PDB file of all heavy atoms in Angstrom:
ATOM      1  N   GLU A   1    -124.787   9.014 -18.541  1.00  0.00           N
ATOM      2  CA  GLU A   1    -125.275  10.106 -17.704  1.00  0.00           C
ATOM      3  C   GLU A   1    -126.567  10.684 -18.269  1.00  0.00           C
ATOM      4  O   GLU A   1    -126.868  10.538 -19.459  1.00  0.00           O
ATOM      5  CB  GLU A   1    -124.202  11.201 -17.606  1.00  0.00           C
ATOM      6  CG  GLU A   1    -122.936  10.723 -16.914  1.00  0.00           C
ATOM      7  CD  GLU A   1    -121.857  11.788 -16.846  1.00  0.00           C
ATOM      8  OE1 GLU A   1    -122.042  12.872 -17.442  1.00  0.00           O
ATOM      9  OE2 GLU A   1    -120.830  11.550 -16.181  1.00  0.00           O
ATOM     10  N   GLU A   2    -127.337  11.329 -17.413  1.00  0.00           N
ATOM     11  CA  GLU A   2    -128.614  11.892 -17.842  1.00  0.00           C
ATOM     12  C   GLU A   2    -128.445  12.968 -18.910  1.00  0.00           C
ATOM     13  O   GLU A   2    -129.357  13.229 -19.693  1.00  0.00           O
ATOM     14  CB  GLU A   2    -129.370  12.467 -16.635  1.00  0.00           C
ATOM     15  CG  GLU A   2    -129.820  11.424 -15.623  1.00  0.00           C
ATOM     16  CD  GLU A   2    -130.754  10.385 -16.224  1.00  0.00           C
ATOM     17  OE1 GLU A   2    -131.575  10.755 -17.093  1.00  0.00           O
ATOM     18  OE2 GLU A   2    -130.651   9.208 -15.843  1.00  0.00           O
ATOM     19  N   GLN A   3    -127.285  13.607 -18.953  1.00  0.00           N
ATOM     20  CA  GLN A   3    -127.011  14.633 -19.957  1.00  0.00           C
ATOM     21  C   GLN A   3    -126.299  14.068 -21.186  1.00  0.00           C
ATOM     22  O   GLN A   3    -125.609  14.790 -21.903  1.00  0.00           O
ATOM     23  CB  GLN A   3    -126.160  15.751 -19.344  1.00  0.00           C
ATOM     24  CG  GLN A   3    -126.804  16.460 -18.169  1.00  0.00           C
ATOM     25  CD  GLN A   3    -125.915  17.566 -17.629  1.00  0.00           C
ATOM     26  OE1 GLN A   3    -125.784  18.632 -18.231  1.00  0.00           O
ATOM     27  NE2 GLN A   3    -125.295  17.302 -16.498  1.00  0.00           N
ATOM     28  N   ALA A   4    -126.501  12.784 -21.462  1.00  0.00           N
ATOM     29  CA  ALA A   4    -125.789  12.132 -22.562  1.00  0.00           C
ATOM     30  C   ALA A   4    -126.017  12.833 -23.896  1.00  0.00           C
ATOM     31  O   ALA A   4    -125.076  12.992 -24.688  1.00  0.00           O
ATOM     32  CB  ALA A   4    -126.207  10.670 -22.656  1.00  0.00           C
ATOM     33  N   ASP A   5    -127.251  13.252 -24.153  1.00  0.00           N
ATOM     34  CA  ASP A   5    -127.512  13.907 -25.438  1.00  0.00           C
ATOM     35  C   ASP A   5    -126.806  15.254 -25.542  1.00  0.00           C
ATOM     36  O   ASP A   5    -126.317  15.633 -26.611  1.00  0.00           O
ATOM     37  CB  ASP A   5    -129.018  14.059 -25.679  1.00  0.00           C
ATOM     38  CG  ASP A   5    -129.770  14.611 -24.490  1.00  0.00           C
ATOM     39  OD1 ASP A   5    -129.132  14.957 -23.473  1.00  0.00           O
ATOM     40  OD2 ASP A   5    -131.015  14.704 -24.577  1.00  0.00           O
ATOM     41  N   ASP A   6    -126.712  15.994 -24.419  1.00  0.00           N
ATOM     42  CA  ASP A   6    -125.971  17.257 -24.420  1.00  0.00           C
ATOM     43  C   ASP A   6    -124.483  17.007 -24.633  1.00  0.00           C
ATOM     44  O   ASP A   6    -123.813  17.751 -25.370  1.00  0.00           O
ATOM     45  CB  ASP A   6    -126.188  18.004 -23.109  1.00  0.00           C
ATOM     46  CG  ASP A   6    -127.631  18.433 -22.920  1.00  0.00           C
ATOM     47  OD1 ASP A   6    -128.137  19.182 -23.778  1.00  0.00           O
ATOM     48  OD2 ASP A   6    -128.261  18.011 -21.939  1.00  0.00           O
ATOM     49  N   HIS A   7    -123.960  15.983 -23.974  1.00  0.00           N
ATOM     50  CA  HIS A   7    -122.548  15.614 -24.163  1.00  0.00           C
ATOM     51  C   HIS A   7    -122.275  15.281 -25.629  1.00  0.00           C
ATOM     52  O   HIS A   7    -121.281  15.719 -26.209  1.00  0.00           O
ATOM     53  CB  HIS A   7    -122.185  14.408 -23.302  1.00  0.00           C
ATOM     54  CG  HIS A   7    -122.225  14.663 -21.825  1.00  0.00           C
ATOM     55  ND1 HIS A   7    -121.921  15.884 -21.262  1.00  0.00           N
ATOM     56  CD2 HIS A   7    -122.517  13.833 -20.785  1.00  0.00           C
ATOM     57  CE1 HIS A   7    -122.034  15.805 -19.943  1.00  0.00           C
ATOM     58  NE2 HIS A   7    -122.392  14.568 -19.628  1.00  0.00           N
ATOM     59  N   PHE A   8    -123.158  14.509 -26.211  1.00  0.00           N
ATOM     60  CA  PHE A   8    -122.990  14.073 -27.594  1.00  0.00           C
ATOM     61  C   PHE A   8    -122.978  15.282 -28.527  1.00  0.00           C
ATOM     62  O   PHE A   8    -122.131  15.392 -29.431  1.00  0.00           O
ATOM     63  CB  PHE A   8    -124.118  13.114 -27.966  1.00  0.00           C
ATOM     64  CG  PHE A   8    -123.928  12.416 -29.279  1.00  0.00           C
ATOM     65  CD1 PHE A   8    -123.071  11.329 -29.376  1.00  0.00           C
ATOM     66  CD2 PHE A   8    -124.593  12.842 -30.422  1.00  0.00           C
ATOM     67  CE1 PHE A   8    -122.887  10.677 -30.587  1.00  0.00           C
ATOM     68  CE2 PHE A   8    -124.415  12.197 -31.631  1.00  0.00           C
ATOM     69  CZ  PHE A   8    -123.561  11.104 -31.719  1.00  0.00           C
ATOM     70  N   SER A   9    -123.914  16.189 -28.306  1.00  0.00           N
ATOM     71  CA  SER A   9    -124.001  17.389 -29.125  1.00  0.00           C
ATOM     72  C   SER A   9    -122.723  18.226 -29.011  1.00  0.00           C
ATOM     73  O   SER A   9    -122.219  18.765 -30.012  1.00  0.00           O
ATOM     74  CB  SER A   9    -125.213  18.227 -28.694  1.00  0.00           C
ATOM     75  OG  SER A   9    -125.404  19.332 -29.544  1.00  0.00           O
ATOM     76  N   HIS A  10    -122.186  18.319 -27.808  1.00  0.00           N
ATOM     77  CA  HIS A  10    -120.969  19.088 -27.567  1.00  0.00           C
ATOM     78  C   HIS A  10    -119.793  18.501 -28.349  1.00  0.00           C
ATOM     79  O   HIS A  10    -119.004  19.227 -28.963  1.00  0.00           O
ATOM     80  CB  HIS A  10    -120.670  19.101 -26.065  1.00  0.00           C
ATOM     81  CG  HIS A  10    -119.631  20.093 -25.662  1.00  0.00           C
ATOM     82  ND1 HIS A  10    -119.256  20.292 -24.352  1.00  0.00           N
ATOM     83  CD2 HIS A  10    -118.850  20.941 -26.394  1.00  0.00           C
ATOM     84  CE1 HIS A  10    -118.321  21.215 -24.291  1.00  0.00           C
ATOM     85  NE2 HIS A  10    -118.050  21.626 -25.522  1.00  0.00           N
ATOM     86  N   VAL A  11    -119.683  17.178 -28.351  1.00  0.00           N
ATOM     87  CA  VAL A  11    -118.587  16.521 -29.062  1.00  0.00           C
ATOM     88  C   VAL A  11    -118.718  16.726 -30.571  1.00  0.00           C
ATOM     89  O   VAL A  11    -117.732  16.977 -31.268  1.00  0.00           O
ATOM     90  CB  VAL A  11    -118.526  15.020 -28.713  1.00  0.00           C
ATOM     91  CG1 VAL A  11    -117.423  14.326 -29.511  1.00  0.00           C
ATOM     92  CG2 VAL A  11    -118.281  14.827 -27.221  1.00  0.00           C
ATOM     93  N   LEU A  12    -119.932  16.618 -31.094  1.00  0.00           N
ATOM     94  CA  LEU A  12    -120.137  16.824 -32.528  1.00  0.00           C
ATOM     95  C   LEU A  12    -119.750  18.253 -32.923  1.00  0.00           C
ATOM     96  O   LEU A  12    -119.195  18.486 -34.017  1.00  0.00           O
ATOM     97  CB  LEU A  12    -121.585  16.543 -32.913  1.00  0.00           C
ATOM     98  CG  LEU A  12    -122.033  15.087 -32.885  1.00  0.00           C
ATOM     99  CD1 LEU A  12    -123.468  14.974 -33.393  1.00  0.00           C
ATOM    100  CD2 LEU A  12    -121.115  14.196 -33.716  1.00  0.00           C
ATOM    101  N   HIS A  13    -120.030  19.221 -32.066  1.00  0.00           N
ATOM    102  CA  HIS A  13    -119.635  20.612 -32.322  1.00  0.00           C
ATOM    103  C   HIS A  13    -118.116  20.718 -32.429  1.00  0.00           C
ATOM    104  O   HIS A  13    -117.587  21.396 -33.328  1.00  0.00           O
ATOM    105  CB  HIS A  13    -120.160  21.509 -31.202  1.00  0.00           C
ATOM    106  CG  HIS A  13    -119.484  22.844 -31.126  1.00  0.00           C
ATOM    107  ND1 HIS A  13    -119.619  23.818 -32.101  1.00  0.00           N
ATOM    108  CD2 HIS A  13    -118.625  23.354 -30.182  1.00  0.00           C
ATOM    109  CE1 HIS A  13    -118.902  24.877 -31.766  1.00  0.00           C
ATOM    110  NE2 HIS A  13    -118.291  24.626 -30.612  1.00  0.00           N
ATOM    111  N   ALA A  14    -117.421  20.036 -31.521  1.00  0.00           N
ATOM    112  CA  ALA A  14    -115.957  20.085 -31.551  1.00  0.00           C
ATOM    113  C   ALA A  14    -115.394  19.383 -32.787  1.00  0.00           C
ATOM    114  O   ALA A  14    -114.370  19.812 -33.336  1.00  0.00           O
ATOM    115  CB  ALA A  14    -115.396  19.438 -30.282  1.00  0.00           C
ATOM    116  N   MET A  15    -116.070  18.351 -33.244  1.00  0.00           N
ATOM    117  CA  MET A  15    -115.619  17.620 -34.424  1.00  0.00           C
ATOM    118  C   MET A  15    -115.871  18.393 -35.707  1.00  0.00           C
ATOM    119  O   MET A  15    -115.071  18.352 -36.653  1.00  0.00           O
ATOM    120  CB  MET A  15    -116.331  16.263 -34.508  1.00  0.00           C
ATOM    121  CG  MET A  15    -115.899  15.260 -33.463  1.00  0.00           C
ATOM    122  SD  MET A  15    -116.854  13.706 -33.613  1.00  0.00           S
ATOM    123  CE  MET A  15    -116.324  13.110 -35.232  1.00  0.00           C
ATOM    124  N   ASN A  16    -116.994  19.098 -35.769  1.00  0.00           N
ATOM    125  CA  ASN A  16    -117.398  19.756 -37.001  1.00  0.00           C
ATOM    126  C   ASN A  16    -118.074  21.101 -36.678  1.00  0.00           C
ATOM    127  O   ASN A  16    -119.291  21.247 -36.793  1.00  0.00           O
ATOM    128  CB  ASN A  16    -118.348  18.851 -37.791  1.00  0.00           C
ATOM    129  CG  ASN A  16    -118.579  19.337 -39.196  1.00  0.00           C
ATOM    130  OD1 ASN A  16    -118.223  20.465 -39.559  1.00  0.00           O
ATOM    131  ND2 ASN A  16    -119.212  18.497 -40.011  1.00  0.00           N
ATOM    132  N   PRO A  17    -117.276  22.098 -36.290  1.00  0.00           N
ATOM    133  CA  PRO A  17    -117.856  23.384 -35.869  1.00  0.00           C
ATOM    134  C   PRO A  17    -118.549  24.135 -36.995  1.00  0.00           C
ATOM    135  O   PRO A  17    -119.416  24.984 -36.725  1.00  0.00           O
ATOM    136  CB  PRO A  17    -116.643  24.161 -35.353  1.00  0.00           C
ATOM    137  CG  PRO A  17    -115.465  23.525 -36.014  1.00  0.00           C
ATOM    138  CD  PRO A  17    -115.809  22.085 -36.152  1.00  0.00           C
ATOM    139  N   GLU A  18    -118.212  23.845 -38.248  1.00  0.00           N
ATOM    140  CA  GLU A  18    -118.889  24.531 -39.346  1.00  0.00           C
ATOM    141  C   GLU A  18    -120.327  24.041 -39.496  1.00  0.00           C
ATOM    142  O   GLU A  18    -121.222  24.815 -39.843  1.00  0.00           O
ATOM    143  CB  GLU A  18    -118.115  24.315 -40.653  1.00  0.00           C
ATOM    144  CG  GLU A  18    -116.758  25.012 -40.680  1.00  0.00           C
ATOM    145  CD  GLU A  18    -116.081  24.873 -42.027  1.00  0.00           C
ATOM    146  OE1 GLU A  18    -116.674  24.234 -42.930  1.00  0.00           O
ATOM    147  OE2 GLU A  18    -114.959  25.380 -42.182  1.00  0.00           O
ATOM    148  N   ARG A  19    -120.532  22.770 -39.232  1.00  0.00           N
ATOM    149  CA  ARG A  19    -121.886  22.211 -39.344  1.00  0.00           C
ATOM    150  C   ARG A  19    -122.675  22.432 -38.071  1.00  0.00           C
ATOM    151  O   ARG A  19    -123.866  22.766 -38.117  1.00  0.00           O
ATOM    152  CB  ARG A  19    -121.805  20.725 -39.668  1.00  0.00           C
ATOM    153  CG  ARG A  19    -123.166  20.083 -39.861  1.00  0.00           C
ATOM    154  CD  ARG A  19    -123.028  18.659 -40.322  1.00  0.00           C
ATOM    155  NE  ARG A  19    -124.334  18.073 -40.629  1.00  0.00           N
ATOM    156  CZ  ARG A  19    -124.498  16.825 -41.049  1.00  0.00           C
ATOM    157  NH1 ARG A  19    -123.448  16.045 -41.231  1.00  0.00           N
ATOM    158  NH2 ARG A  19    -125.702  16.365 -41.295  1.00  0.00           N
ATOM    159  N   TYR A  20    -122.030  22.219 -36.928  1.00  0.00           N
ATOM    160  CA  TYR A  20    -122.687  22.404 -35.631  1.00  0.00           C
ATOM    161  C   TYR A  20    -122.030  23.615 -34.961  1.00  0.00           C
ATOM    162  O   TYR A  20    -121.020  23.478 -34.265  1.00  0.00           O
ATOM    163  CB  TYR A  20    -122.548  21.139 -34.775  1.00  0.00           C
ATOM    164  CG  TYR A  20    -123.069  19.891 -35.457  1.00  0.00           C
ATOM    165  CD1 TYR A  20    -122.185  18.915 -35.962  1.00  0.00           C
ATOM    166  CD2 TYR A  20    -124.434  19.683 -35.608  1.00  0.00           C
ATOM    167  CE1 TYR A  20    -122.667  17.773 -36.588  1.00  0.00           C
ATOM    168  CE2 TYR A  20    -124.922  18.540 -36.238  1.00  0.00           C
ATOM    169  CZ  TYR A  20    -124.028  17.584 -36.737  1.00  0.00           C
ATOM    170  OH  TYR A  20    -124.503  16.464 -37.365  1.00  0.00           O
ATOM    171  N   ARG A  21    -122.612  24.772 -35.179  1.00  0.00           N
ATOM    172  CA  ARG A  21    -121.960  26.025 -34.800  1.00  0.00           C
ATOM    173  C   ARG A  21    -121.866  26.235 -33.293  1.00  0.00           C
ATOM    174  O   ARG A  21    -120.983  26.925 -32.812  1.00  0.00           O
ATOM    175  CB  ARG A  21    -122.690  27.205 -35.444  1.00  0.00           C
ATOM    176  CG  ARG A  21    -122.614  27.187 -36.968  1.00  0.00           C
ATOM    177  CD  ARG A  21    -123.307  28.393 -37.574  1.00  0.00           C
ATOM    178  NE  ARG A  21    -123.212  28.359 -39.028  1.00  0.00           N
ATOM    179  CZ  ARG A  21    -122.176  28.782 -39.727  1.00  0.00           C
ATOM    180  NH1 ARG A  21    -121.130  29.288 -39.079  1.00  0.00           N
ATOM    181  NH2 ARG A  21    -122.169  28.723 -41.042  1.00  0.00           N
ATOM    182  N   ASP A  22    -122.784  25.642 -32.542  1.00  0.00           N
ATOM    183  CA  ASP A  22    -122.779  25.774 -31.082  1.00  0.00           C
ATOM    184  C   ASP A  22    -122.779  24.395 -30.447  1.00  0.00           C
ATOM    185  O   ASP A  22    -123.199  23.407 -31.071  1.00  0.00           O
ATOM    186  CB  ASP A  22    -124.008  26.551 -30.608  1.00  0.00           C
ATOM    187  CG  ASP A  22    -124.082  27.938 -31.214  1.00  0.00           C
ATOM    188  OD1 ASP A  22    -123.135  28.712 -30.987  1.00  0.00           O
ATOM    189  OD2 ASP A  22    -125.075  28.221 -31.925  1.00  0.00           O
ATOM    190  N   PRO A  23    -122.348  24.279 -29.191  1.00  0.00           N
ATOM    191  CA  PRO A  23    -122.353  22.973 -28.521  1.00  0.00           C
ATOM    192  C   PRO A  23    -123.731  22.318 -28.440  1.00  0.00           C
ATOM    193  O   PRO A  23    -123.826  21.104 -28.302  1.00  0.00           O
ATOM    194  CB  PRO A  23    -121.813  23.309 -27.122  1.00  0.00           C
ATOM    195  CG  PRO A  23    -120.960  24.509 -27.330  1.00  0.00           C
ATOM    196  CD  PRO A  23    -121.678  25.311 -28.383  1.00  0.00           C
ATOM    197  N   THR A  24    -124.782  23.125 -28.545  1.00  0.00           N
ATOM    198  CA  THR A  24    -126.132  22.547 -28.458  1.00  0.00           C
ATOM    199  C   THR A  24    -126.822  22.425 -29.822  1.00  0.00           C
ATOM    200  O   THR A  24    -127.997  22.077 -29.889  1.00  0.00           O
ATOM    201  CB  THR A  24    -127.023  23.418 -27.538  1.00  0.00           C
ATOM    202  OG1 THR A  24    -127.115  24.742 -28.094  1.00  0.00           O
ATOM    203  CG2 THR A  24    -126.457  23.466 -26.126  1.00  0.00           C
ATOM    204  N   SER A  25    -126.102  22.693 -30.898  1.00  0.00           N
ATOM    205  CA  SER A  25    -126.732  22.714 -32.229  1.00  0.00           C
ATOM    206  C   SER A  25    -127.353  21.377 -32.593  1.00  0.00           C
ATOM    207  O   SER A  25    -128.485  21.320 -33.106  1.00  0.00           O
ATOM    208  CB  SER A  25    -125.704  23.119 -33.295  1.00  0.00           C
ATOM    209  OG  SER A  25    -125.315  24.453 -33.140  1.00  0.00           O
ATOM    210  N   TRP A  26    -126.642  20.303 -32.343  1.00  0.00           N
ATOM    211  CA  TRP A  26    -127.166  18.987 -32.744  1.00  0.00           C
ATOM    212  C   TRP A  26    -128.432  18.653 -31.976  1.00  0.00           C
ATOM    213  O   TRP A  26    -129.439  18.259 -32.568  1.00  0.00           O
ATOM    214  CB  TRP A  26    -126.113  17.901 -32.526  1.00  0.00           C
ATOM    215  CG  TRP A  26    -126.602  16.544 -32.929  1.00  0.00           C
ATOM    216  CD1 TRP A  26    -126.610  16.007 -34.188  1.00  0.00           C
ATOM    217  CD2 TRP A  26    -127.181  15.536 -32.081  1.00  0.00           C
ATOM    218  NE1 TRP A  26    -127.155  14.741 -34.186  1.00  0.00           N
ATOM    219  CE2 TRP A  26    -127.511  14.427 -32.900  1.00  0.00           C
ATOM    220  CE3 TRP A  26    -127.451  15.468 -30.714  1.00  0.00           C
ATOM    221  CZ2 TRP A  26    -128.103  13.274 -32.397  1.00  0.00           C
ATOM    222  CZ3 TRP A  26    -128.029  14.312 -30.204  1.00  0.00           C
ATOM    223  CH2 TRP A  26    -128.356  13.231 -31.040  1.00  0.00           C
ATOM    224  N   ILE A  27    -128.416  18.817 -30.669  1.00  0.00           N
ATOM    225  CA  ILE A  27    -129.579  18.439 -29.868  1.00  0.00           C
ATOM    226  C   ILE A  27    -130.743  19.390 -30.136  1.00  0.00           C
ATOM    227  O   ILE A  27    -131.909  18.974 -30.174  1.00  0.00           O
ATOM    228  CB  ILE A  27    -129.233  18.405 -28.361  1.00  0.00           C
ATOM    229  CG1 ILE A  27    -130.379  17.774 -27.566  1.00  0.00           C
ATOM    230  CG2 ILE A  27    -128.896  19.773 -27.827  1.00  0.00           C
ATOM    231  CD1 ILE A  27    -130.677  16.340 -27.937  1.00  0.00           C
ATOM    232  N   ASP A  28    -130.455  20.677 -30.399  1.00  0.00           N
ATOM    233  CA  ASP A  28    -131.530  21.624 -30.711  1.00  0.00           C
ATOM    234  C   ASP A  28    -132.213  21.271 -32.032  1.00  0.00           C
ATOM    235  O   ASP A  28    -133.428  21.423 -32.172  1.00  0.00           O
ATOM    236  CB  ASP A  28    -130.982  23.049 -30.794  1.00  0.00           C
ATOM    237  CG  ASP A  28    -130.596  23.615 -29.438  1.00  0.00           C
ATOM    238  OD1 ASP A  28    -131.015  23.030 -28.413  1.00  0.00           O
ATOM    239  OD2 ASP A  28    -129.871  24.627 -29.408  1.00  0.00           O
ATOM    240  N   SER A  29    -131.439  20.774 -32.975  1.00  0.00           N
ATOM    241  CA  SER A  29    -132.006  20.439 -34.286  1.00  0.00           C
ATOM    242  C   SER A  29    -132.918  19.228 -34.226  1.00  0.00           C
ATOM    243  O   SER A  29    -133.697  18.977 -35.151  1.00  0.00           O
ATOM    244  CB  SER A  29    -130.892  20.176 -35.296  1.00  0.00           C
ATOM    245  OG  SER A  29    -130.191  18.982 -34.997  1.00  0.00           O
ATOM    246  N   ARG A  30    -132.831  18.472 -33.137  1.00  0.00           N
ATOM    247  CA  ARG A  30    -133.654  17.275 -32.996  1.00  0.00           C
ATOM    248  C   ARG A  30    -134.730  17.427 -31.926  1.00  0.00           C
ATOM    249  O   ARG A  30    -135.299  16.445 -31.460  1.00  0.00           O
ATOM    250  CB  ARG A  30    -132.771  16.067 -32.696  1.00  0.00           C
ATOM    251  CG  ARG A  30    -132.110  15.546 -33.968  1.00  0.00           C
ATOM    252  CD  ARG A  30    -130.751  14.928 -33.722  1.00  0.00           C
ATOM    253  NE  ARG A  30    -130.206  14.452 -34.996  1.00  0.00           N
ATOM    254  CZ  ARG A  30    -129.626  15.239 -35.900  1.00  0.00           C
ATOM    255  NH1 ARG A  30    -129.513  16.531 -35.687  1.00  0.00           N
ATOM    256  NH2 ARG A  30    -129.142  14.731 -37.032  1.00  0.00           N
ATOM    257  N   ALA A  31    -135.008  18.636 -31.546  1.00  0.00           N
ATOM    258  CA  ALA A  31    -136.056  18.891 -30.549  1.00  0.00           C
ATOM    259  C   ALA A  31    -137.388  18.336 -31.039  1.00  0.00           C
ATOM    260  O   ALA A  31    -137.805  18.586 -32.169  1.00  0.00           O
ATOM    261  CB  ALA A  31    -136.182  20.385 -30.293  1.00  0.00           C
ATOM    262  N   GLY A  32    -138.024  17.550 -30.202  1.00  0.00           N
ATOM    263  CA  GLY A  32    -139.314  16.963 -30.557  1.00  0.00           C
ATOM    264  C   GLY A  32    -139.214  15.590 -31.171  1.00  0.00           C
ATOM    265  O   GLY A  32    -140.211  14.872 -31.272  1.00  0.00           O
ATOM    266  N   SER A  33    -138.005  15.201 -31.593  1.00  0.00           N
ATOM    267  CA  SER A  33    -137.847  13.852 -32.153  1.00  0.00           C
ATOM    268  C   SER A  33    -137.850  12.845 -31.021  1.00  0.00           C
ATOM    269  O   SER A  33    -137.333  13.099 -29.935  1.00  0.00           O
ATOM    270  CB  SER A  33    -136.531  13.757 -32.930  1.00  0.00           C
ATOM    271  OG  SER A  33    -136.524  14.666 -34.007  1.00  0.00           O
ATOM    272  N   ARG A  34    -138.416  11.660 -31.286  1.00  0.00           N
ATOM    273  CA  ARG A  34    -138.504  10.664 -30.225  1.00  0.00           C
ATOM    274  C   ARG A  34    -138.071   9.275 -30.667  1.00  0.00           C
ATOM    275  O   ARG A  34    -137.492   8.528 -29.910  1.00  0.00           O
ATOM    276  CB  ARG A  34    -139.934  10.549 -29.698  1.00  0.00           C
ATOM    277  CG  ARG A  34    -140.438  11.783 -28.992  1.00  0.00           C
ATOM    278  CD  ARG A  34    -141.813  11.531 -28.425  1.00  0.00           C
ATOM    279  NE  ARG A  34    -142.756  11.148 -29.457  1.00  0.00           N
ATOM    280  CZ  ARG A  34    -143.987  10.717 -29.213  1.00  0.00           C
ATOM    281  NH1 ARG A  34    -144.405  10.598 -27.980  1.00  0.00           N
ATOM    282  NH2 ARG A  34    -144.795  10.392 -30.217  1.00  0.00           N
ATOM    283  N   THR A  35    -138.335   8.920 -31.912  1.00  0.00           N
ATOM    284  CA  THR A  35    -138.208   7.512 -32.273  1.00  0.00           C
ATOM    285  C   THR A  35    -136.982   7.172 -33.091  1.00  0.00           C
ATOM    286  O   THR A  35    -136.566   6.028 -33.116  1.00  0.00           O
ATOM    287  CB  THR A  35    -139.445   7.047 -33.061  1.00  0.00           C
ATOM    288  OG1 THR A  35    -139.589   7.875 -34.223  1.00  0.00           O
ATOM    289  CG2 THR A  35    -140.688   7.148 -32.209  1.00  0.00           C
ATOM    290  N   GLY A  36    -136.381   8.121 -33.785  1.00  0.00           N
ATOM    291  CA  GLY A  36    -135.208   7.800 -34.572  1.00  0.00           C
ATOM    292  C   GLY A  36    -135.479   6.686 -35.552  1.00  0.00           C
ATOM    293  O   GLY A  36    -136.434   6.723 -36.323  1.00  0.00           O
ATOM    294  N   ALA A  37    -134.632   5.645 -35.510  1.00  0.00           N
ATOM    295  CA  ALA A  37    -134.747   4.547 -36.460  1.00  0.00           C
ATOM    296  C   ALA A  37    -135.960   3.666 -36.198  1.00  0.00           C
ATOM    297  O   ALA A  37    -136.214   2.738 -36.941  1.00  0.00           O
ATOM    298  CB  ALA A  37    -133.480   3.691 -36.431  1.00  0.00           C
ATOM    299  N   GLY A  38    -136.721   3.959 -35.130  1.00  0.00           N
ATOM    300  CA  GLY A  38    -137.859   3.110 -34.812  1.00  0.00           C
ATOM    301  C   GLY A  38    -139.120   3.446 -35.589  1.00  0.00           C
ATOM    302  O   GLY A  38    -140.200   2.980 -35.242  1.00  0.00           O
ATOM    303  N   THR A  39    -139.005   4.243 -36.626  1.00  0.00           N
ATOM    304  CA  THR A  39    -140.197   4.659 -37.346  1.00  0.00           C
ATOM    305  C   THR A  39    -140.770   3.567 -38.235  1.00  0.00           C
ATOM    306  O   THR A  39    -141.926   3.624 -38.601  1.00  0.00           O
ATOM    307  CB  THR A  39    -139.907   5.897 -38.198  1.00  0.00           C
ATOM    308  OG1 THR A  39    -138.772   5.642 -39.040  1.00  0.00           O
ATOM    309  CG2 THR A  39    -139.588   7.092 -37.314  1.00  0.00           C
ATOM    310  N   SER A  40    -139.993   2.578 -38.624  1.00  0.00           N
ATOM    311  CA  SER A  40    -140.516   1.502 -39.462  1.00  0.00           C
ATOM    312  C   SER A  40    -139.816   0.202 -39.130  1.00  0.00           C
ATOM    313  O   SER A  40    -138.693   0.196 -38.613  1.00  0.00           O
ATOM    314  CB  SER A  40    -140.334   1.816 -40.952  1.00  0.00           C
ATOM    315  OG  SER A  40    -138.989   1.609 -41.342  1.00  0.00           O
ATOM    316  N   VAL A  41    -140.479  -0.890 -39.444  1.00  0.00           N
ATOM    317  CA  VAL A  41    -139.902  -2.211 -39.208  1.00  0.00           C
ATOM    318  C   VAL A  41    -138.616  -2.375 -40.010  1.00  0.00           C
ATOM    319  O   VAL A  41    -137.609  -2.886 -39.502  1.00  0.00           O
ATOM    320  CB  VAL A  41    -140.919  -3.313 -39.573  1.00  0.00           C
ATOM    321  CG1 VAL A  41    -140.248  -4.673 -39.596  1.00  0.00           C
ATOM    322  CG2 VAL A  41    -142.081  -3.307 -38.590  1.00  0.00           C
ATOM    323  N   ARG A  42    -138.641  -1.959 -41.260  1.00  0.00           N
ATOM    324  CA  ARG A  42    -137.461  -2.145 -42.117  1.00  0.00           C
ATOM    325  C   ARG A  42    -136.256  -1.385 -41.571  1.00  0.00           C
ATOM    326  O   ARG A  42    -135.137  -1.916 -41.546  1.00  0.00           O
ATOM    327  CB  ARG A  42    -137.774  -1.693 -43.531  1.00  0.00           C
ATOM    328  CG  ARG A  42    -136.586  -1.784 -44.493  1.00  0.00           C
ATOM    329  CD  ARG A  42    -137.000  -1.695 -45.927  1.00  0.00           C
ATOM    330  NE  ARG A  42    -137.845  -2.830 -46.291  1.00  0.00           N
ATOM    331  CZ  ARG A  42    -138.326  -3.031 -47.512  1.00  0.00           C
ATOM    332  NH1 ARG A  42    -138.059  -2.166 -48.480  1.00  0.00           N
ATOM    333  NH2 ARG A  42    -139.075  -4.090 -47.773  1.00  0.00           N
TER     334      ARG A  42
END
């Protein structure tokens, strides 16, 4: 779904509420990121 990243963030919050205090904590912490593991060939 188009909201896959929001869904993912919500699940991580439920798994670890101490680290991800809100349902949007994970996705908010990655605002502006685009490439992930694509930053280098290795």
